[in-house]
C-alpha cells in the first residue's frame, strides 16, 4: 500500500486492477483522497472498460502524463503486450 501511495505522490503511472469493478472505483477515489491536501494532477480514470479503448496497451504504455487508471484484472494481459 505504501508503494501505491508513493507512486501517486510522485505522479507516476499507476494501474489498479481488480476482479471486482464495484470495489475498484471506491479504492481509486480513496487513493486520490489520501493525497489531501495535495491533489493528483494527472489523468484519473477510476474504471476504464477495455471496450472503450481499442488498443489499451497504447494508452497505458505510451502516455507521457501521469495517471491513475482502474481496469478489470482480465485486461492486464492486453496491457502488458
PDB file of N, CA and C in Angstrom:
ATOM      1  N   UNK A   1       0.824  -1.191   0.000  1.00  0.00           N
ATOM      2  CA  UNK A   1       0.000   0.000   0.000  1.00  0.00           C
ATOM      3  C   UNK A   1       0.871   1.259   0.000  1.00  0.00           C
ATOM      4  N   UNK A   2       1.974   1.209   0.726  1.00  0.00           N
ATOM      5  CA  UNK A   2       2.849   2.379   0.771  1.00  0.00           C
ATOM      6  C   UNK A   2       3.473   2.662  -0.589  1.00  0.00           C
ATOM      7  N   UNK A   3       3.779   1.607  -1.334  1.00  0.00           N
ATOM      8  CA  UNK A   3       4.342   1.805  -2.667  1.00  0.00           C
ATOM      9  C   UNK A   3       3.309   2.457  -3.590  1.00  0.00           C
ATOM     10  N   UNK A   4       2.057   2.067  -3.453  1.00  0.00           N
ATOM     11  CA  UNK A   4       0.986   2.674  -4.261  1.00  0.00           C
ATOM     12  C   UNK A   4       0.853   4.152  -3.916  1.00  0.00           C
ATOM     13  N   UNK A   5       0.860   4.474  -2.649  1.00  0.00           N
ATOM     14  CA  UNK A   5       0.756   5.869  -2.223  1.00  0.00           C
ATOM     15  C   UNK A   5       1.976   6.674  -2.680  1.00  0.00           C
ATOM     16  N   UNK A   6       3.155   6.066  -2.593  1.00  0.00           N
ATOM     17  CA  UNK A   6       4.376   6.740  -3.053  1.00  0.00           C
ATOM     18  C   UNK A   6       4.306   7.048  -4.543  1.00  0.00           C
ATOM     19  N   UNK A   7       3.846   6.084  -5.334  1.00  0.00           N
ATOM     20  CA  UNK A   7       3.730   6.300  -6.780  1.00  0.00           C
ATOM     21  C   UNK A   7       2.720   7.409  -7.092  1.00  0.00           C
ATOM     22  N   UNK A   8       1.636   7.462  -6.333  1.00  0.00           N
ATOM     23  CA  UNK A   8       0.640   8.519  -6.543  1.00  0.00           C
ATOM     24  C   UNK A   8       1.214   9.884  -6.172  1.00  0.00           C
ATOM     25  N   UNK A   9       1.949   9.952  -5.066  1.00  0.00           N
ATOM     26  CA  UNK A   9       2.547  11.222  -4.644  1.00  0.00           C
ATOM     27  C   UNK A   9       3.606  11.710  -5.625  1.00  0.00           C
ATOM     28  N   UNK A  10       4.339  10.778  -6.228  1.00  0.00           N
ATOM     29  CA  UNK A  10       5.370  11.148  -7.195  1.00  0.00           C
ATOM     30  C   UNK A  10       4.814  11.307  -8.607  1.00  0.00           C
ATOM     31  N   UNK A  11       3.505  11.146  -8.739  1.00  0.00           N
ATOM     32  CA  UNK A  11       2.796  11.275 -10.017  1.00  0.00           C
ATOM     33  C   UNK A  11       3.393  10.369 -11.087  1.00  0.00           C
ATOM     34  N   UNK A  12       3.445   9.097 -10.773  1.00  0.00           N
ATOM     35  CA  UNK A  12       3.894   8.059 -11.696  1.00  0.00           C
ATOM     36  C   UNK A  12       2.666   7.404 -12.324  1.00  0.00           C
ATOM     37  N   UNK A  13       2.894   6.543 -13.298  1.00  0.00           N
ATOM     38  CA  UNK A  13       1.803   5.753 -13.866  1.00  0.00           C
ATOM     39  C   UNK A  13       1.359   4.735 -12.824  1.00  0.00           C
ATOM     40  N   UNK A  14       0.073   4.691 -12.568  1.00  0.00           N
ATOM     41  CA  UNK A  14      -0.460   3.787 -11.561  1.00  0.00           C
ATOM     42  C   UNK A  14      -1.677   3.090 -12.136  1.00  0.00           C
ATOM     43  N   UNK A  15      -1.567   1.790 -12.280  1.00  0.00           N
ATOM     44  CA  UNK A  15      -2.641   0.981 -12.842  1.00  0.00           C
ATOM     45  C   UNK A  15      -3.203   0.099 -11.742  1.00  0.00           C
ATOM     46  N   UNK A  16      -4.480   0.264 -11.438  1.00  0.00           N
ATOM     47  CA  UNK A  16      -5.151  -0.537 -10.414  1.00  0.00           C
ATOM     48  C   UNK A  16      -5.968  -1.611 -11.109  1.00  0.00           C
ATOM     49  N   UNK A  17      -5.820  -2.856 -10.676  1.00  0.00           N
ATOM     50  CA  UNK A  17      -6.541  -3.965 -11.314  1.00  0.00           C
ATOM     51  C   UNK A  17      -7.293  -4.761 -10.264  1.00  0.00           C
ATOM     52  N   UNK A  18      -8.517  -5.160 -10.617  1.00  0.00           N
ATOM     53  CA  UNK A  18      -9.335  -5.948  -9.702  1.00  0.00           C
ATOM     54  C   UNK A  18     -10.380  -6.732 -10.484  1.00  0.00           C
ATOM     55  N   UNK A  19     -10.778  -7.869  -9.916  1.00  0.00           N
ATOM     56  CA  UNK A  19     -11.895  -8.624 -10.496  1.00  0.00           C
ATOM     57  C   UNK A  19     -13.220  -7.947 -10.142  1.00  0.00           C
ATOM     58  N   UNK A  20     -13.244  -7.237  -9.019  1.00  0.00           N
ATOM     59  CA  UNK A  20     -14.457  -6.585  -8.526  1.00  0.00           C
ATOM     60  C   UNK A  20     -14.474  -5.114  -8.945  1.00  0.00           C
ATOM     61  N   UNK A  21     -15.188  -4.818 -10.024  1.00  0.00           N
ATOM     62  CA  UNK A  21     -15.240  -3.454 -10.557  1.00  0.00           C
ATOM     63  C   UNK A  21     -15.925  -2.515  -9.566  1.00  0.00           C
ATOM     64  N   UNK A  22     -16.941  -3.003  -8.875  1.00  0.00           N
ATOM     65  CA  UNK A  22     -17.658  -2.165  -7.918  1.00  0.00           C
ATOM     66  C   UNK A  22     -16.750  -1.744  -6.762  1.00  0.00           C
ATOM     67  N   UNK A  23     -15.790  -2.551  -6.421  1.00  0.00           N
ATOM     68  CA  UNK A  23     -14.851  -2.202  -5.363  1.00  0.00           C
ATOM     69  C   UNK A  23     -13.662  -1.398  -5.866  1.00  0.00           C
ATOM     70  N   UNK A  24     -13.397  -1.488  -7.148  1.00  0.00           N
ATOM     71  CA  UNK A  24     -12.245  -0.799  -7.737  1.00  0.00           C
ATOM     72  C   UNK A  24     -12.423   0.717  -7.737  1.00  0.00           C
ATOM     73  N   UNK A  25     -13.596   1.172  -8.081  1.00  0.00           N
ATOM     74  CA  UNK A  25     -13.839   2.615  -8.173  1.00  0.00           C
ATOM     75  C   UNK A  25     -13.700   3.327  -6.827  1.00  0.00           C
ATOM     76  N   UNK A  26     -14.271   2.803  -5.740  1.00  0.00           N
ATOM     77  CA  UNK A  26     -14.059   3.476  -4.441  1.00  0.00           C
ATOM     78  C   UNK A  26     -12.599   3.452  -3.987  1.00  0.00           C
ATOM     79  N   UNK A  27     -11.874   2.388  -4.315  1.00  0.00           N
ATOM     80  CA  UNK A  27     -10.458   2.318  -3.941  1.00  0.00           C
ATOM     81  C   UNK A  27      -9.664   3.394  -4.687  1.00  0.00           C
ATOM     82  N   UNK A  28      -9.941   3.562  -5.975  1.00  0.00           N
ATOM     83  CA  UNK A  28      -9.260   4.595  -6.759  1.00  0.00           C
ATOM     84  C   UNK A  28      -9.575   5.988  -6.205  1.00  0.00           C
ATOM     85  N   UNK A  29     -10.835   6.222  -5.871  1.00  0.00           N
ATOM     86  CA  UNK A  29     -11.228   7.522  -5.315  1.00  0.00           C
ATOM     87  C   UNK A  29     -10.583   7.739  -3.947  1.00  0.00           C
ATOM     88  N   UNK A  30     -10.521   6.698  -3.123  1.00  0.00           N
ATOM     89  CA  UNK A  30      -9.900   6.824  -1.792  1.00  0.00           C
ATOM     90  C   UNK A  30      -8.420   7.135  -1.920  1.00  0.00           C
ATOM     91  N   UNK A  31      -7.771   6.555  -2.916  1.00  0.00           N
ATOM     92  CA  UNK A  31      -6.355   6.841  -3.136  1.00  0.00           C
ATOM     93  C   UNK A  31      -6.138   8.322  -3.438  1.00  0.00           C
ATOM     94  N   UNK A  32      -6.986   8.886  -4.255  1.00  0.00           N
ATOM     95  CA  UNK A  32      -6.872  10.325  -4.551  1.00  0.00           C
ATOM     96  C   UNK A  32      -7.135  11.166  -3.310  1.00  0.00           C
ATOM     97  N   UNK A  33      -8.060  10.737  -2.469  1.00  0.00           N
ATOM     98  CA  UNK A  33      -8.358  11.486  -1.247  1.00  0.00           C
ATOM     99  C   UNK A  33      -7.228  11.367  -0.225  1.00  0.00           C
ATOM    100  N   UNK A  34      -6.473  10.275  -0.269  1.00  0.00           N
ATOM    101  CA  UNK A  34      -5.344  10.111   0.647  1.00  0.00           C
ATOM    102  C   UNK A  34      -4.245  11.139   0.381  1.00  0.00           C
ATOM    103  N   UNK A  35      -4.220  11.683  -0.811  1.00  0.00           N
ATOM    104  CA  UNK A  35      -3.195  12.654  -1.165  1.00  0.00           C
ATOM    105  C   UNK A  35      -3.458  14.035  -0.570  1.00  0.00           C
ATOM    106  N   UNK A  36      -4.616  14.221   0.030  1.00  0.00           N
ATOM    107  CA  UNK A  36      -5.013  15.500   0.591  1.00  0.00           C
ATOM    108  C   UNK A  36      -3.975  15.970   1.607  1.00  0.00           C
ATOM    109  N   UNK A  37      -3.588  17.207   1.630  1.00  0.00           N
ATOM    110  CA  UNK A  37      -4.103  18.400   0.978  1.00  0.00           C
ATOM    111  C   UNK A  37      -3.576  18.592  -0.439  1.00  0.00           C
ATOM    112  N   UNK A  38      -2.761  17.674  -0.932  1.00  0.00           N
ATOM    113  CA  UNK A  38      -2.300  17.753  -2.318  1.00  0.00           C
ATOM    114  C   UNK A  38      -3.387  17.210  -3.230  1.00  0.00           C
ATOM    115  N   UNK A  39      -3.212  17.406  -4.509  1.00  0.00           N
ATOM    116  CA  UNK A  39      -4.174  16.818  -5.449  1.00  0.00           C
ATOM    117  C   UNK A  39      -3.405  16.174  -6.587  1.00  0.00           C
ATOM    118  N   UNK A  40      -3.975  15.139  -7.146  1.00  0.00           N
ATOM    119  CA  UNK A  40      -3.344  14.429  -8.253  1.00  0.00           C
ATOM    120  C   UNK A  40      -3.556  15.243  -9.523  1.00  0.00           C
ATOM    121  N   UNK A  41      -2.474  15.607 -10.191  1.00  0.00           N
ATOM    122  CA  UNK A  41      -2.555  16.483 -11.363  1.00  0.00           C
ATOM    123  C   UNK A  41      -2.648  15.713 -12.678  1.00  0.00           C
ATOM    124  N   UNK A  42      -2.531  14.395 -12.623  1.00  0.00           N
ATOM    125  CA  UNK A  42      -2.558  13.605 -13.845  1.00  0.00           C
ATOM    126  C   UNK A  42      -3.969  13.177 -14.233  1.00  0.00           C
ATOM    127  N   UNK A  43      -4.022  12.198 -15.082  1.00  0.00           N
ATOM    128  CA  UNK A  43      -5.294  11.647 -15.564  1.00  0.00           C
ATOM    129  C   UNK A  43      -5.834  10.681 -14.518  1.00  0.00           C
ATOM    130  N   UNK A  44      -7.091  10.838 -14.156  1.00  0.00           N
ATOM    131  CA  UNK A  44      -7.736   9.952 -13.179  1.00  0.00           C
ATOM    132  C   UNK A  44      -8.948   9.303 -13.832  1.00  0.00           C
ATOM    133  N   UNK A  45      -8.864   7.996 -14.053  1.00  0.00           N
ATOM    134  CA  UNK A  45      -9.977   7.219 -14.612  1.00  0.00           C
ATOM    135  C   UNK A  45     -10.214   6.066 -13.643  1.00  0.00           C
ATOM    136  N   UNK A  46     -11.234   6.160 -12.780  1.00  0.00           N
ATOM    137  CA  UNK A  46     -11.445   5.118 -11.772  1.00  0.00           C
ATOM    138  C   UNK A  46     -11.675   3.734 -12.372  1.00  0.00           C
ATOM    139  N   UNK A  47     -12.316   3.670 -13.535  1.00  0.00           N
ATOM    140  CA  UNK A  47     -12.517   2.386 -14.206  1.00  0.00           C
ATOM    141  C   UNK A  47     -12.553   2.616 -15.709  1.00  0.00           C
ATOM    142  N   UNK A  48     -11.680   1.941 -16.414  1.00  0.00           N
ATOM    143  CA  UNK A  48     -11.625   2.027 -17.873  1.00  0.00           C
ATOM    144  C   UNK A  48     -11.976   0.669 -18.464  1.00  0.00           C
ATOM    145  N   UNK A  49     -13.190   0.528 -19.006  1.00  0.00           N
ATOM    146  CA  UNK A  49     -13.536  -0.739 -19.659  1.00  0.00           C
ATOM    147  C   UNK A  49     -12.675  -0.929 -20.909  1.00  0.00           C
ATOM    148  N   UNK A  50     -12.254  -2.140 -21.151  1.00  0.00           N
ATOM    149  CA  UNK A  50     -11.400  -2.432 -22.306  1.00  0.00           C
ATOM    150  C   UNK A  50     -12.109  -2.081 -23.612  1.00  0.00           C
ATOM    151  N   UNK A  51     -13.420  -2.161 -23.633  1.00  0.00           N
ATOM    152  CA  UNK A  51     -14.176  -1.879 -24.858  1.00  0.00           C
ATOM    153  C   UNK A  51     -14.137  -0.403 -25.245  1.00  0.00           C
ATOM    154  N   UNK A  52     -13.801   0.487 -24.322  1.00  0.00           N
ATOM    155  CA  UNK A  52     -13.778   1.913 -24.630  1.00  0.00           C
ATOM    156  C   UNK A  52     -12.495   2.360 -25.306  1.00  0.00           C
ATOM    157  N   UNK A  53     -11.484   1.513 -25.288  1.00  0.00           N
ATOM    158  CA  UNK A  53     -10.239   1.867 -25.955  1.00  0.00           C
ATOM    159  C   UNK A  53      -9.793   0.664 -26.779  1.00  0.00           C
ATOM    160  N   UNK A  54      -9.725   0.811 -28.111  1.00  0.00           N
ATOM    161  CA  UNK A  54      -9.421  -0.335 -28.958  1.00  0.00           C
ATOM    162  C   UNK A  54      -8.027  -0.924 -28.724  1.00  0.00           C
ATOM    163  N   UNK A  55      -7.079  -0.109 -28.295  1.00  0.00           N
ATOM    164  CA  UNK A  55      -5.723  -0.589 -28.018  1.00  0.00           C
ATOM    165  C   UNK A  55      -5.301  -0.105 -26.634  1.00  0.00           C
ATOM    166  N   UNK A  56      -5.743  -0.792 -25.574  1.00  0.00           N
ATOM    167  CA  UNK A  56      -5.450  -0.308 -24.219  1.00  0.00           C
ATOM    168  C   UNK A  56      -3.963  -0.253 -23.913  1.00  0.00           C
ATOM    169  N   UNK A  57      -3.148  -1.124 -24.533  1.00  0.00           N
ATOM    170  CA  UNK A  57      -1.708  -1.092 -24.252  1.00  0.00           C
ATOM    171  C   UNK A  57      -1.077   0.207 -24.729  1.00  0.00           C
ATOM    172  N   UNK A  58      -1.626   0.809 -25.785  1.00  0.00           N
ATOM    173  CA  UNK A  58      -1.128   2.100 -26.256  1.00  0.00           C
ATOM    174  C   UNK A  58      -1.419   3.183 -25.224  1.00  0.00           C
ATOM    175  N   UNK A  59      -2.599   3.166 -24.677  1.00  0.00           N
ATOM    176  CA  UNK A  59      -2.980   4.161 -23.679  1.00  0.00           C
ATOM    177  C   UNK A  59      -2.072   4.089 -22.457  1.00  0.00           C
ATOM    178  N   UNK A  60      -1.811   2.901 -21.978  1.00  0.00           N
ATOM    179  CA  UNK A  60      -1.051   2.731 -20.747  1.00  0.00           C
ATOM    180  C   UNK A  60       0.450   2.867 -20.975  1.00  0.00           C
ATOM    181  N   UNK A  61       0.976   2.290 -22.030  1.00  0.00           N
ATOM    182  CA  UNK A  61       2.426   2.242 -22.230  1.00  0.00           C
ATOM    183  C   UNK A  61       3.004   3.474 -22.916  1.00  0.00           C
ATOM    184  N   UNK A  62       2.197   4.260 -23.586  1.00  0.00           N
ATOM    185  CA  UNK A  62       2.718   5.390 -24.349  1.00  0.00           C
ATOM    186  C   UNK A  62       2.138   6.733 -23.920  1.00  0.00           C
ATOM    187  N   UNK A  63       1.583   6.794 -22.726  1.00  0.00           N
ATOM    188  CA  UNK A  63       1.026   8.041 -22.219  1.00  0.00           C
ATOM    189  C   UNK A  63       2.111   8.791 -21.444  1.00  0.00           C
ATOM    190  N   UNK A  64       2.443  10.017 -21.869  1.00  0.00           N
ATOM    191  CA  UNK A  64       3.507  10.748 -21.176  1.00  0.00           C
ATOM    192  C   UNK A  64       3.067  11.348 -19.841  1.00  0.00           C
ATOM    193  N   UNK A  65       1.778  11.540 -19.649  1.00  0.00           N
ATOM    194  CA  UNK A  65       1.299  12.152 -18.412  1.00  0.00           C
ATOM    195  C   UNK A  65       1.082  11.094 -17.341  1.00  0.00           C
ATOM    196  N   UNK A  66       1.203  11.474 -16.072  1.00  0.00           N
ATOM    197  CA  UNK A  66       0.920  10.507 -15.006  1.00  0.00           C
ATOM    198  C   UNK A  66      -0.561  10.154 -14.991  1.00  0.00           C
ATOM    199  N   UNK A  67      -0.875   8.956 -14.533  1.00  0.00           N
ATOM    200  CA  UNK A  67      -2.277   8.553 -14.484  1.00  0.00           C
ATOM    201  C   UNK A  67      -2.535   7.589 -13.345  1.00  0.00           C
ATOM    202  N   UNK A  68      -3.797   7.559 -12.950  1.00  0.00           N
ATOM    203  CA  UNK A  68      -4.345   6.514 -12.092  1.00  0.00           C
ATOM    204  C   UNK A  68      -5.517   5.953 -12.877  1.00  0.00           C
ATOM    205  N   UNK A  69      -5.396   4.707 -13.295  1.00  0.00           N
ATOM    206  CA  UNK A  69      -6.434   4.074 -14.108  1.00  0.00           C
ATOM    207  C   UNK A  69      -6.792   2.736 -13.471  1.00  0.00           C
ATOM    208  N   UNK A  70      -8.075   2.491 -13.317  1.00  0.00           N
ATOM    209  CA  UNK A  70      -8.564   1.214 -12.826  1.00  0.00           C
ATOM    210  C   UNK A  70      -9.032   0.355 -13.988  1.00  0.00           C
ATOM    211  N   UNK A  71      -8.636  -0.901 -13.988  1.00  0.00           N
ATOM    212  CA  UNK A  71      -9.033  -1.837 -15.046  1.00  0.00           C
ATOM    213  C   UNK A  71      -9.443  -3.171 -14.425  1.00  0.00           C
ATOM    214  N   UNK A  72     -10.189  -3.942 -15.208  1.00  0.00           N
ATOM    215  CA  UNK A  72     -10.513  -5.304 -14.786  1.00  0.00           C
ATOM    216  C   UNK A  72      -9.258  -6.157 -14.858  1.00  0.00           C
ATOM    217  N   UNK A  73      -9.125  -7.090 -13.961  1.00  0.00           N
ATOM    218  CA  UNK A  73      -7.927  -7.931 -13.894  1.00  0.00           C
ATOM    219  C   UNK A  73      -7.700  -8.696 -15.198  1.00  0.00           C
ATOM    220  N   UNK A  74      -8.763  -9.077 -15.881  1.00  0.00           N
ATOM    221  CA  UNK A  74      -8.620  -9.837 -17.133  1.00  0.00           C
ATOM    222  C   UNK A  74      -8.050  -8.994 -18.260  1.00  0.00           C
ATOM    223  N   UNK A  75      -7.993  -7.672 -18.096  1.00  0.00           N
ATOM    224  CA  UNK A  75      -7.437  -6.779 -19.106  1.00  0.00           C
ATOM    225  C   UNK A  75      -5.910  -6.698 -19.014  1.00  0.00           C
ATOM    226  N   UNK A  76      -5.328  -7.093 -17.904  1.00  0.00           N
ATOM    227  CA  UNK A  76      -3.884  -6.967 -17.689  1.00  0.00           C
ATOM    228  C   UNK A  76      -3.030  -7.626 -18.783  1.00  0.00           C
ATOM    229  N   UNK A  77      -3.352  -8.830 -19.244  1.00  0.00           N
ATOM    230  CA  UNK A  77      -2.519  -9.402 -20.330  1.00  0.00           C
ATOM    231  C   UNK A  77      -2.501  -8.540 -21.587  1.00  0.00           C
ATOM    232  N   UNK A  78      -3.579  -7.842 -21.889  1.00  0.00           N
ATOM    233  CA  UNK A  78      -3.625  -6.954 -23.061  1.00  0.00           C
ATOM    234  C   UNK A  78      -2.730  -5.750 -22.863  1.00  0.00           C
ATOM    235  N   UNK A  79      -2.595  -5.296 -21.643  1.00  0.00           N
ATOM    236  CA  UNK A  79      -1.807  -4.101 -21.353  1.00  0.00           C
ATOM    237  C   UNK A  79      -0.316  -4.395 -21.324  1.00  0.00           C
ATOM    238  N   UNK A  80       0.050  -5.613 -21.071  1.00  0.00           N
ATOM    239  CA  UNK A  80       1.453  -5.971 -20.970  1.00  0.00           C
ATOM    240  C   UNK A  80       2.026  -6.498 -22.274  1.00  0.00           C
ATOM    241  N   UNK A  81       1.257  -6.441 -23.351  1.00  0.00           N
ATOM    242  CA  UNK A  81       1.728  -6.944 -24.637  1.00  0.00           C
ATOM    243  C   UNK A  81       2.761  -6.023 -25.247  1.00  0.00           C
TER     244      UNK A  81
END
